Amino acid sequence: MQSRGDPRVHFVMNLLLSAAFVYMLLRGLEFLDVVAFSLVRFAIGTLLLMAITHVVTQ
């Protein structure tokens, strides 16, 4: 039987990758003048993406 790994490592990896993706997405949308970048949008987007990723991978 394979080990699923340390959940703390999964959490940190999910946090960093989600934050990087949301940052690039918001910067791209800001470049296109679709939406302005803000820390609130960044935090909410990161948390939502982390939640979705967690649900999908379980």
N, C-alpha and C. Protein backbone atom coordinates (compact mmCIF):
# COMPACT_ATOMS: atom_id res chain seq x y z
N MET A 1 0.84 -1.17 0.00
CA MET A 1 0.00 0.00 0.00
C MET A 1 0.89 1.24 0.00
N GLN A 2 0.54 2.25 -0.82
CA GLN A 2 1.32 3.46 -0.92
C GLN A 2 0.91 4.47 0.14
N SER A 3 1.89 5.25 0.57
CA SER A 3 1.62 6.33 1.50
C SER A 3 1.06 7.54 0.74
N ARG A 4 0.11 8.22 1.34
CA ARG A 4 -0.48 9.41 0.71
C ARG A 4 0.35 10.65 1.00
N GLY A 5 1.36 10.54 1.84
CA GLY A 5 2.21 11.68 2.15
C GLY A 5 1.68 12.48 3.33
N ASP A 6 2.47 13.46 3.70
CA ASP A 6 2.14 14.31 4.84
C ASP A 6 1.12 15.36 4.42
N PRO A 7 -0.04 15.43 5.07
CA PRO A 7 -1.06 16.40 4.67
C PRO A 7 -0.60 17.85 4.84
N ARG A 8 0.34 18.10 5.75
CA ARG A 8 0.85 19.47 5.91
C ARG A 8 1.62 19.91 4.66
N VAL A 9 2.35 18.99 4.06
CA VAL A 9 3.09 19.30 2.83
C VAL A 9 2.11 19.55 1.70
N HIS A 10 1.06 18.75 1.62
CA HIS A 10 0.03 18.94 0.59
C HIS A 10 -0.64 20.30 0.75
N PHE A 11 -0.91 20.70 2.00
CA PHE A 11 -1.55 21.99 2.25
C PHE A 11 -0.67 23.14 1.79
N VAL A 12 0.61 23.08 2.13
CA VAL A 12 1.53 24.16 1.75
C VAL A 12 1.72 24.21 0.24
N MET A 13 1.84 23.05 -0.39
CA MET A 13 1.97 23.02 -1.86
C MET A 13 0.71 23.57 -2.52
N ASN A 14 -0.44 23.20 -2.01
CA ASN A 14 -1.71 23.71 -2.55
C ASN A 14 -1.78 25.22 -2.38
N LEU A 15 -1.38 25.72 -1.21
CA LEU A 15 -1.39 27.16 -0.95
C LEU A 15 -0.48 27.91 -1.92
N LEU A 16 0.75 27.45 -2.08
CA LEU A 16 1.71 28.15 -2.94
C LEU A 16 1.31 28.10 -4.41
N LEU A 17 0.89 26.94 -4.88
CA LEU A 17 0.51 26.82 -6.29
C LEU A 17 -0.78 27.58 -6.59
N SER A 18 -1.74 27.54 -5.68
CA SER A 18 -2.98 28.28 -5.88
C SER A 18 -2.71 29.78 -5.87
N ALA A 19 -1.87 30.23 -4.94
CA ALA A 19 -1.54 31.65 -4.87
C ALA A 19 -0.82 32.11 -6.13
N ALA A 20 0.10 31.31 -6.63
CA ALA A 20 0.83 31.69 -7.85
C ALA A 20 -0.13 31.78 -9.04
N PHE A 21 -1.03 30.82 -9.15
CA PHE A 21 -1.97 30.82 -10.27
C PHE A 21 -2.91 32.02 -10.21
N VAL A 22 -3.46 32.29 -9.03
CA VAL A 22 -4.39 33.41 -8.87
C VAL A 22 -3.66 34.73 -9.12
N TYR A 23 -2.42 34.84 -8.66
CA TYR A 23 -1.63 36.06 -8.88
C TYR A 23 -1.46 36.31 -10.38
N MET A 24 -1.05 35.27 -11.12
CA MET A 24 -0.87 35.43 -12.57
C MET A 24 -2.19 35.75 -13.26
N LEU A 25 -3.26 35.10 -12.83
CA LEU A 25 -4.58 35.35 -13.43
C LEU A 25 -5.02 36.79 -13.20
N LEU A 26 -4.90 37.26 -11.95
CA LEU A 26 -5.31 38.63 -11.66
C LEU A 26 -4.44 39.66 -12.37
N ARG A 27 -3.14 39.41 -12.44
CA ARG A 27 -2.26 40.34 -13.15
C ARG A 27 -2.60 40.37 -14.64
N GLY A 28 -2.92 39.23 -15.22
CA GLY A 28 -3.31 39.18 -16.62
C GLY A 28 -4.62 39.92 -16.86
N LEU A 29 -5.58 39.72 -15.98
CA LEU A 29 -6.86 40.43 -16.11
C LEU A 29 -6.68 41.93 -15.89
N GLU A 30 -5.76 42.31 -15.01
CA GLU A 30 -5.49 43.73 -14.81
C GLU A 30 -4.82 44.32 -16.06
N PHE A 31 -3.94 43.57 -16.68
CA PHE A 31 -3.29 44.03 -17.90
C PHE A 31 -4.31 44.26 -19.01
N LEU A 32 -5.34 43.42 -19.05
CA LEU A 32 -6.40 43.55 -20.05
C LEU A 32 -7.48 44.55 -19.62
N ASP A 33 -7.31 45.19 -18.51
CA ASP A 33 -8.27 46.15 -17.95
C ASP A 33 -9.64 45.53 -17.70
N VAL A 34 -9.65 44.29 -17.27
CA VAL A 34 -10.90 43.61 -16.94
C VAL A 34 -11.24 43.80 -15.47
N VAL A 35 -10.23 43.67 -14.61
CA VAL A 35 -10.42 43.80 -13.17
C VAL A 35 -9.14 44.35 -12.56
N ALA A 36 -9.29 45.12 -11.50
CA ALA A 36 -8.12 45.67 -10.81
C ALA A 36 -7.60 44.67 -9.78
N PHE A 37 -6.29 44.59 -9.67
CA PHE A 37 -5.68 43.70 -8.69
C PHE A 37 -5.84 44.29 -7.29
N SER A 38 -6.25 43.47 -6.34
CA SER A 38 -6.29 43.88 -4.94
C SER A 38 -5.96 42.67 -4.08
N LEU A 39 -5.47 42.96 -2.89
CA LEU A 39 -5.12 41.86 -1.98
C LEU A 39 -6.36 41.07 -1.55
N VAL A 40 -7.50 41.74 -1.47
CA VAL A 40 -8.73 41.04 -1.09
C VAL A 40 -9.11 40.03 -2.18
N ARG A 41 -9.09 40.46 -3.44
CA ARG A 41 -9.39 39.54 -4.54
C ARG A 41 -8.37 38.39 -4.58
N PHE A 42 -7.11 38.73 -4.34
CA PHE A 42 -6.05 37.72 -4.33
C PHE A 42 -6.30 36.69 -3.23
N ALA A 43 -6.61 37.15 -2.03
CA ALA A 43 -6.84 36.23 -0.91
C ALA A 43 -8.07 35.37 -1.13
N ILE A 44 -9.17 35.99 -1.58
CA ILE A 44 -10.40 35.23 -1.82
C ILE A 44 -10.20 34.22 -2.94
N GLY A 45 -9.56 34.64 -4.02
CA GLY A 45 -9.30 33.73 -5.13
C GLY A 45 -8.43 32.56 -4.73
N THR A 46 -7.40 32.83 -3.92
CA THR A 46 -6.52 31.76 -3.46
C THR A 46 -7.27 30.78 -2.59
N LEU A 47 -8.08 31.28 -1.66
CA LEU A 47 -8.85 30.39 -0.79
C LEU A 47 -9.86 29.56 -1.57
N LEU A 48 -10.54 30.19 -2.53
CA LEU A 48 -11.51 29.44 -3.35
C LEU A 48 -10.82 28.35 -4.17
N LEU A 49 -9.70 28.69 -4.78
CA LEU A 49 -8.99 27.70 -5.59
C LEU A 49 -8.46 26.57 -4.72
N MET A 50 -7.97 26.91 -3.52
CA MET A 50 -7.51 25.86 -2.61
C MET A 50 -8.66 24.92 -2.22
N ALA A 51 -9.82 25.49 -1.94
CA ALA A 51 -10.98 24.68 -1.57
C ALA A 51 -11.41 23.77 -2.71
N ILE A 52 -11.47 24.33 -3.92
CA ILE A 52 -11.86 23.52 -5.08
C ILE A 52 -10.87 22.40 -5.31
N THR A 53 -9.57 22.72 -5.22
CA THR A 53 -8.54 21.70 -5.42
C THR A 53 -8.64 20.62 -4.36
N HIS A 54 -8.90 20.99 -3.14
CA HIS A 54 -9.03 20.01 -2.07
C HIS A 54 -10.20 19.08 -2.31
N VAL A 55 -11.33 19.64 -2.71
CA VAL A 55 -12.53 18.82 -2.94
C VAL A 55 -12.31 17.87 -4.12
N VAL A 56 -11.71 18.37 -5.19
CA VAL A 56 -11.52 17.55 -6.39
C VAL A 56 -10.54 16.42 -6.16
N THR A 57 -9.50 16.64 -5.34
CA THR A 57 -8.48 15.62 -5.15
C THR A 57 -8.82 14.63 -4.05
N GLN A 58 -9.91 14.81 -3.33
CA GLN A 58 -10.27 13.87 -2.26
C GLN A 58 -11.08 12.72 -2.80
